Every structure is written in C-alpha cells, then in structure tokens.
C-alpha cells in the first residue's frame, strides 16, 4: 500500500513539474482588446494569412528553401535602415515595375513605394482607430485620414475594399494583437527623385 501511495505521489509530482515547465516556456500572448472576441481575432488571423499580407508587409530572410518571413520583423514593412538599391531607369520607363528581393519595396511609374508597418506598434497601426483602418481599405486613404494621399501600388486596396465590415473589423482586431515592431517606414519617393543607375553608353 505504501508503495502504491509513493508511486502516486511521484507521478503527481512529475505531472506538476511538466505542467509548470510548459507554462514557463509558452510565449507571452498580447493583451487582446476587450471589445474583440477570440473568434473575431481568429477570423482576422485566417484572413490575413489567406489574403497574403506577409507577401509585402513582412521582411524576409533566406532560408533553406528560399526567402521566408522574418518572424521577428513580421508585418513591420520596409526596414527604415535599409537603403533603396539603385534601379534601372530604362526598365521603368518602358512600363515595367520593379520589386525589392523581399517585396517590401516597389518602383514603377508612380515612383517608389514602401510596404507599411501594420504591427500593433505606434509606428504601425497601434494608434489607428477601427474607423481609420476601414477607411484606409475601403477608400484607399493613407492611414485612413481624410485628405490623405491615395495608397500606392502594389497595395491592392481596390480588391480588399470588397471585404464586408465584419471581415475588416476582424483583420483590424487581429493586427492589434500582433507583436509590436518599432519601424518608421520611409515616405514614398516621386519618380523624378529616384536615384537610378547611371546609363552605360554602348560603343
């Protein structure tokens, strides 16, 4: 009887230790806004992944199978400290658009545009209201502000504006729970101000 009691005690102790270790090693979860349910946030996460927001808004790093999202910088947009590589003017003048290697920057007839920081940081959408977010997507207004410039390509807001209110609210709710990354994305550069590569004259 004593042996059985001892074994039960040991098993209970092991389960307790393993449970404690599991809690300790778990990653901290962002504080969800009380206005948004877990279901709404989960819906937003699903939509963000399905729509492909990572494609342009997340810096990439080279992995064993090619470029992959840099988890530490996810959704933080074009890195502020990264210089814009010289581009080929002739290619742009011929009507082509150029993309950076991780798709966070693009150059075309509109000039140079940079993917926005959409993390929950104040340099991202941390201070945005839900109404601002919806206006940005529905009307293509930068930061969702009246009188602001129109969102530039390649942001396909004209397609996303068709999402219903519930979908847009869920995306906003999810993005507000993302890990904040401090990164002030550069302003767009007009085409005339872009430093293109010097043309090499053919002999």
Foldseek 3Di string as FASTA:
>chain_A
DVVVVVVVVVVVVVVVVVVVVVVVPDDDFFDFDPVDDPVLLVLLVVCCVVVPLQQAQFAWDQDPVGTDGPQVRGRAKDFPPDDDDAAAPVCQVVFDKDADPSNQWIQHQQAIDGRHRLACAPLHCVPQDLCLQLLCLQVQAVSSDPPHDGPDPPPPSVVVNPDDSSNSSSNNSNRNRGDDDDGNHDDGDGRVPGRHDDDDDDD
